[in-house]
Amino acid sequence: MTTLLGTPLGLKQQMKISVIVPVRNEERWIVGQIERLRSSSILCPVEIVVVDGGSSDRTVDAAKSCADRVIISPVSGRGAQLDWGAQNASGELFLFLHADTELPSGWQKIILENIVGETVAGSFRLSFDSDTLFYRVASFLAHWRGLLTGIPHGDQALAVTRSAYFKSGGFPQAPLMEEYLFIPKIRKLGKVKIFQEAVITSRRRYALKGPLRNALRNNLFILLFYFCVSPQTLARWYR
């Protein structure tokens, strides 16, 4: 199987990156996301795979107008959506990306230059579409949380080689905490690197129920997970 490991950058430019976007009621965001991906994909081919998790709005129709593939996940849950997208993607490298997360300029070059040698996966640093003190602190704490746990979150955009993804067994069909179940398996195959460049993610989820409350709840759930509370139980509480 073709892999990016140890491949010179010139040859990597001939490889395809499959961008896998899990969605649920993202009609507002999905077209703009795909247009940004198209316009910024200047270094190597890109395949955009949108995986819907049960939208009740026009997300699927909007995605079909511009994505390469639009798939309906047969199982609910983001972990299942991510894995279903990978199962149906054809690229040599996968990039798992949220619909409301904007990649930095030159994102393809960043990924191809960093996922080399023993590094089989990587993620960007986190920033928000707000420069207020709260979100700057949240970005800073998210960076240190990632360094301490070794687990980048989904809104940081995760890139992983195809071979490592399938060797690891892929994302589990868990309703929550899929990164915390997946990344340890990837680390058994190679290094996971946090890139210096940052994505810009929407603050909408933080603002929905209050940014401080949302931040505290997210970190509480991480703590509970480490105390062996199951993802299924956490998902019920999360709702």
Foldseek 3Di string as FASTA:
>chain_A
DDALAADDLVVCLAFEEEEEEEDAQCLVQQLVQLVLVVVQSDRHHYAYEYEYQYHPDCNQVSCVVRHNYYHYQPAHAPLSSQVVRLVPDDTQKYKYAYRQKADDRPNVVQVSVPCYHQRFKEFEQEAEPDPDPVRVVVSVVLVVVCVVLVFRDRNRIMMGGSVLCVVLVHFDSFRDPRRVVRVVSSVVRGHYYYGHHGMYGYCCVCPVVHNVVVVVLVVVLVVVVVVVDGSVVVNVVVD
